[in-house]
Protein backbone atom coordinates (compact mmCIF):
# COMPACT_ATOMS: atom_id res chain seq x y z
CA MET A 1 -23.95 -32.74 -10.79
CA ALA A 2 -23.40 -30.42 -13.72
CA ALA A 3 -23.67 -26.70 -13.04
CA LYS A 4 -26.39 -24.96 -15.03
CA SER A 5 -26.72 -21.23 -15.59
CA THR A 6 -29.44 -19.90 -17.84
CA SER A 7 -31.05 -16.61 -18.74
CA LYS A 8 -34.24 -15.70 -20.60
CA SER A 9 -34.29 -14.40 -24.17
CA ASN A 10 -37.56 -14.03 -26.08
CA GLY A 11 -39.18 -16.40 -23.62
CA LYS A 12 -36.56 -19.10 -24.18
CA ALA A 13 -33.91 -20.29 -21.76
CA VAL A 14 -30.41 -19.45 -23.00
CA THR A 15 -27.38 -21.15 -21.51
CA ASP A 16 -24.59 -18.82 -20.39
CA PRO A 17 -21.40 -20.87 -20.83
CA VAL A 18 -19.24 -18.36 -18.97
CA ARG A 19 -21.39 -18.34 -15.84
CA GLN A 20 -21.89 -22.08 -16.15
CA SER A 21 -18.12 -22.63 -16.28
CA ILE A 22 -17.51 -20.31 -13.33
CA GLU A 23 -20.11 -22.08 -11.21
CA ALA A 24 -18.68 -25.50 -12.08
CA ALA A 25 -15.11 -24.35 -11.40
CA MET A 26 -16.00 -22.99 -7.97
CA ILE A 27 -17.76 -26.24 -7.05
CA LEU A 28 -14.64 -28.15 -8.06
CA ALA A 29 -12.43 -25.71 -6.12
CA ALA A 30 -14.34 -26.51 -2.95
CA GLU A 31 -13.85 -30.23 -3.52
CA ARG A 32 -10.21 -30.51 -4.59
CA PRO A 33 -7.04 -28.38 -4.76
CA TRP A 34 -7.43 -25.57 -7.26
CA SER A 35 -4.00 -26.40 -8.67
CA GLU A 36 -5.43 -29.74 -9.79
CA VAL A 37 -8.46 -28.30 -11.58
CA GLY A 38 -8.10 -28.12 -15.35
CA LEU A 39 -10.35 -26.83 -18.09
CA ARG A 40 -11.28 -30.39 -19.02
CA ASP A 41 -12.54 -30.90 -15.45
CA VAL A 42 -14.53 -27.68 -15.67
CA ALA A 43 -16.07 -28.65 -19.00
CA GLU A 44 -17.12 -32.03 -17.65
CA ALA A 45 -18.58 -30.55 -14.46
CA ALA A 46 -20.39 -27.83 -16.42
CA ASP A 47 -21.70 -30.32 -18.99
CA LEU A 48 -20.16 -28.25 -21.77
CA PRO A 49 -17.94 -29.21 -24.70
CA LEU A 50 -14.27 -28.63 -23.91
CA GLY A 51 -14.00 -26.48 -27.01
CA GLU A 52 -16.73 -24.17 -25.69
CA VAL A 53 -14.91 -23.73 -22.39
CA ARG A 54 -11.61 -23.09 -24.18
CA ARG A 55 -13.34 -20.48 -26.33
CA HIS A 56 -13.80 -18.34 -23.22
CA PHE A 57 -10.87 -19.37 -21.01
CA SER A 58 -7.22 -20.15 -21.70
CA ASN A 59 -6.51 -21.41 -18.19
CA ARG A 60 -7.98 -21.53 -14.69
CA SER A 61 -6.72 -18.01 -13.90
CA ASP A 62 -9.01 -16.74 -16.65
CA ILE A 63 -11.93 -18.25 -14.74
CA LEU A 64 -11.05 -16.25 -11.62
CA LEU A 65 -10.73 -13.11 -13.73
CA ALA A 66 -14.14 -13.78 -15.24
CA LEU A 67 -15.61 -14.29 -11.77
CA ALA A 68 -14.28 -10.91 -10.65
CA ARG A 69 -15.71 -9.19 -13.73
CA GLN A 70 -19.01 -11.02 -13.27
CA ALA A 71 -19.25 -9.81 -9.67
CA ASP A 72 -18.62 -6.22 -10.79
CA ALA A 73 -21.27 -6.49 -13.49
CA ASP A 74 -23.80 -7.99 -11.08
CA VAL A 75 -23.21 -5.19 -8.56
CA LEU A 76 -23.78 -2.49 -11.17
CA ALA A 77 -26.50 -4.25 -13.19
CA ASP A 78 -29.39 -2.43 -11.52
CA GLY A 79 -27.71 0.97 -11.52
CA THR A 80 -26.65 3.14 -8.59
CA ASP A 81 -29.40 5.77 -8.52
CA ASP A 82 -30.22 4.71 -4.96
CA LEU A 83 -26.75 5.86 -3.89
CA LEU A 84 -26.91 9.40 -5.30
CA ASP A 85 -27.70 11.00 -1.94
CA GLU A 86 -25.00 9.08 -0.06
CA THR A 87 -21.46 10.18 0.69
CA VAL A 88 -18.70 8.45 -1.28
CA ARG A 89 -17.77 6.46 1.82
CA ASP A 90 -21.35 5.26 2.45
CA ALA A 91 -21.90 4.47 -1.22
CA LEU A 92 -18.63 2.54 -1.36
CA PHE A 93 -19.68 0.60 1.74
CA ASP A 94 -22.94 -0.40 0.04
CA LEU A 95 -21.22 -1.33 -3.22
CA LEU A 96 -18.54 -3.46 -1.58
CA MET A 97 -21.16 -5.27 0.49
CA ARG A 98 -23.12 -5.92 -2.71
CA ARG A 99 -19.94 -7.32 -4.22
CA PHE A 100 -19.52 -9.67 -1.28
CA ASP A 101 -23.16 -10.70 -1.75
CA ALA A 102 -22.50 -11.41 -5.43
CA LEU A 103 -19.60 -13.67 -4.47
CA THR A 104 -21.40 -15.46 -1.64
CA PRO A 105 -22.50 -18.47 -3.76
CA PHE A 106 -18.83 -19.08 -4.51
CA LYS A 107 -17.48 -18.57 -0.98
CA PRO A 108 -16.51 -22.23 -0.32
CA GLY A 109 -14.51 -22.40 -3.53
CA LEU A 110 -12.88 -19.01 -3.01
CA LYS A 111 -11.95 -19.87 0.55
CA ALA A 112 -10.31 -23.10 -0.59
CA ILE A 113 -8.41 -21.31 -3.36
CA LEU A 114 -7.12 -18.57 -1.07
CA THR A 115 -6.11 -21.12 1.56
CA GLU A 116 -4.09 -23.05 -1.01
CA ALA A 117 -2.63 -19.80 -2.34
CA ARG A 118 -0.88 -19.21 0.98
CA GLN A 119 1.52 -21.96 -0.06
CA LYS A 120 1.17 -21.39 -3.82
CA PRO A 121 0.75 -17.63 -4.39
CA GLN A 122 1.19 -18.14 -8.12
CA LEU A 123 -2.40 -19.39 -8.15
CA ILE A 124 -3.79 -15.89 -7.61
CA LEU A 125 -1.00 -13.55 -8.73
CA PRO A 126 -2.39 -13.28 -12.30
CA VAL A 127 -5.71 -12.10 -10.84
CA LEU A 128 -4.41 -9.26 -8.66
CA PRO A 129 -4.34 -6.59 -11.41
CA GLN A 130 -8.07 -7.16 -11.89
CA LEU A 131 -8.63 -6.12 -8.28
CA GLY A 132 -7.46 -2.61 -9.12
CA ARG A 133 -9.80 -2.44 -12.09
CA SER A 134 -12.68 -3.69 -9.95
CA MET A 135 -12.00 -1.15 -7.20
CA SER A 136 -11.80 1.60 -9.82
CA ARG A 137 -15.29 0.67 -11.02
CA MET A 138 -16.63 0.60 -7.46
CA LEU A 139 -15.12 3.99 -6.61
CA GLU A 140 -16.50 5.58 -9.77
CA ALA A 141 -19.93 4.10 -9.06
CA ALA A 142 -19.70 5.53 -5.54
CA GLY A 143 -19.23 9.01 -6.97
CA GLU A 144 -15.45 9.32 -6.97
CA ASP A 145 -14.05 11.35 -9.87
CA PRO A 146 -12.05 8.83 -11.96
CA CYS A 147 -9.71 11.64 -13.01
CA GLY A 148 -9.54 13.31 -9.61
CA ARG A 149 -6.49 13.98 -7.48
CA GLY A 150 -5.06 10.92 -5.78
CA VAL A 151 -7.47 8.50 -7.43
CA GLN A 152 -4.79 5.85 -7.98
CA SER A 153 -3.95 5.92 -4.28
CA LYS A 154 -7.63 5.57 -3.45
CA ILE A 155 -7.88 2.56 -5.77
CA ALA A 156 -4.86 0.98 -4.07
CA ALA A 157 -6.27 1.70 -0.61
CA SER A 158 -9.66 0.27 -1.61
CA GLY A 159 -7.91 -2.88 -2.79
CA LEU A 160 -6.17 -3.22 0.58
CA ILE A 161 -9.49 -2.71 2.33
CA TRP A 162 -11.15 -5.34 0.15
CA LEU A 163 -8.45 -7.94 0.79
CA THR A 164 -8.46 -7.27 4.53
CA VAL A 165 -12.24 -7.45 4.92
CA MET A 166 -12.44 -10.48 2.63
CA ARG A 167 -10.59 -12.50 5.26
CA LYS A 168 -13.37 -11.71 7.73
CA TRP A 169 -16.07 -12.38 5.11
CA LEU A 170 -14.72 -15.84 4.33
CA ASP A 171 -15.32 -16.87 7.94
CA ASP A 172 -18.58 -14.97 8.40
CA ASP A 173 -21.40 -17.51 8.18
CA SER A 174 -24.11 -15.26 9.63
CA GLU A 175 -27.14 -14.42 7.51
CA ASP A 176 -26.83 -10.69 8.10
CA GLN A 177 -23.05 -10.62 7.49
CA ALA A 178 -22.71 -8.51 10.63
CA GLN A 179 -19.01 -9.28 11.14
CA THR A 180 -18.22 -8.41 7.55
CA MET A 181 -20.16 -5.15 7.73
CA ALA A 182 -18.42 -4.18 10.98
CA ALA A 183 -14.99 -4.94 9.53
CA LEU A 184 -15.73 -2.98 6.36
CA ASP A 185 -17.11 0.00 8.26
CA LYS A 186 -14.02 0.03 10.48
CA ALA A 187 -11.62 -0.20 7.54
CA LEU A 188 -13.37 2.59 5.65
CA GLY A 189 -13.31 4.68 8.80
CA GLN A 190 -9.56 4.18 9.09
CA ALA A 191 -9.15 5.22 5.47
CA GLU A 192 -11.18 8.36 6.09
CA ILE A 193 -9.08 9.30 9.11
CA LEU A 194 -5.89 8.76 7.16
CA ALA A 195 -7.07 10.73 4.14
CA ASN A 196 -5.07 13.76 5.26
CA SER A 197 -1.97 11.76 4.42
CA PHE A 198 -2.62 12.83 0.83
CA ASN A 199 -1.00 16.11 1.84
CA ASP A 200 2.30 14.22 1.98
CA GLY A 201 1.72 12.41 -1.31
CA PRO A 202 -0.02 9.24 -2.49
CA LEU A 203 2.68 6.84 -1.32
CA SER A 204 2.42 8.21 2.21
CA PHE A 205 -1.32 7.53 2.18
CA ILE A 206 -0.85 3.95 0.99
CA ARG A 207 1.82 3.28 3.62
CA SER A 208 -0.39 4.76 6.34
CA MET A 209 -3.40 2.76 5.17
CA LEU A 210 -1.41 -0.47 5.07
CA THR A 211 0.04 0.15 8.53
CA ALA A 212 -3.40 0.87 9.98
CA LEU A 213 -4.94 -2.25 8.46
CA ARG A 214 -2.09 -4.47 9.61
CA SER A 215 -2.03 -3.12 13.14
CA GLY A 216 -5.80 -2.74 13.54
CA LYS A 217 -7.61 -4.94 16.02
CA THR A 218 -10.38 -7.29 15.13
CA ASP A 219 -13.80 -7.07 16.76
CA ASP A 220 -12.84 -9.63 19.42
CA GLY A 221 -9.86 -7.53 20.48
CA ALA A 222 -7.22 -9.83 19.02
CA GLN A 223 -4.54 -8.49 16.75
CA ALA A 224 -5.32 -9.06 13.08
CA SER A 225 -3.00 -11.72 11.71
């Protein structure tokens, strides 16, 4: 079935070819190896002309980049005024959970892609720089000064947190996302405890954050793999 994504403009439905292509691509990713999905397949599944799909995407990596940017835009679409009274940590928690919510419709496809990427990391390597840009947007929306001291280290640490918690999210099928929230809260707490590592420089903080995330225990007491 072709994926359809529409919006309203002057009372008329307007097709969004980018969203439509993303939705179709994620459906295909859940059904077959991502490495076998081409733009022609996406165009057919999205019921769009191939030329229209190629106008927005050069390859399948571009689709993943567009999905990341779409998630960021969806998170910030309604503003962040409701977060003004929160600490940066609490606001970041809310924003990252909203980002997981924005990606939930695509979870089966993302899980399949990341599973395949364990054997073929080249499938997601082109997308990793976007993670830093996304985390920068989330931190700024949470109230972090984009020009403040150590901001690049905070972006890197937020990226590590996102990737670590995403593994829990991919397997969290509960409606309330309790396991994901617990994992995110724990990871942010570890980052807060390790924040004094900034006194020894940004690289020290990143190393400490990475060590804590790798050695941290999951909620069931097992070592995180």
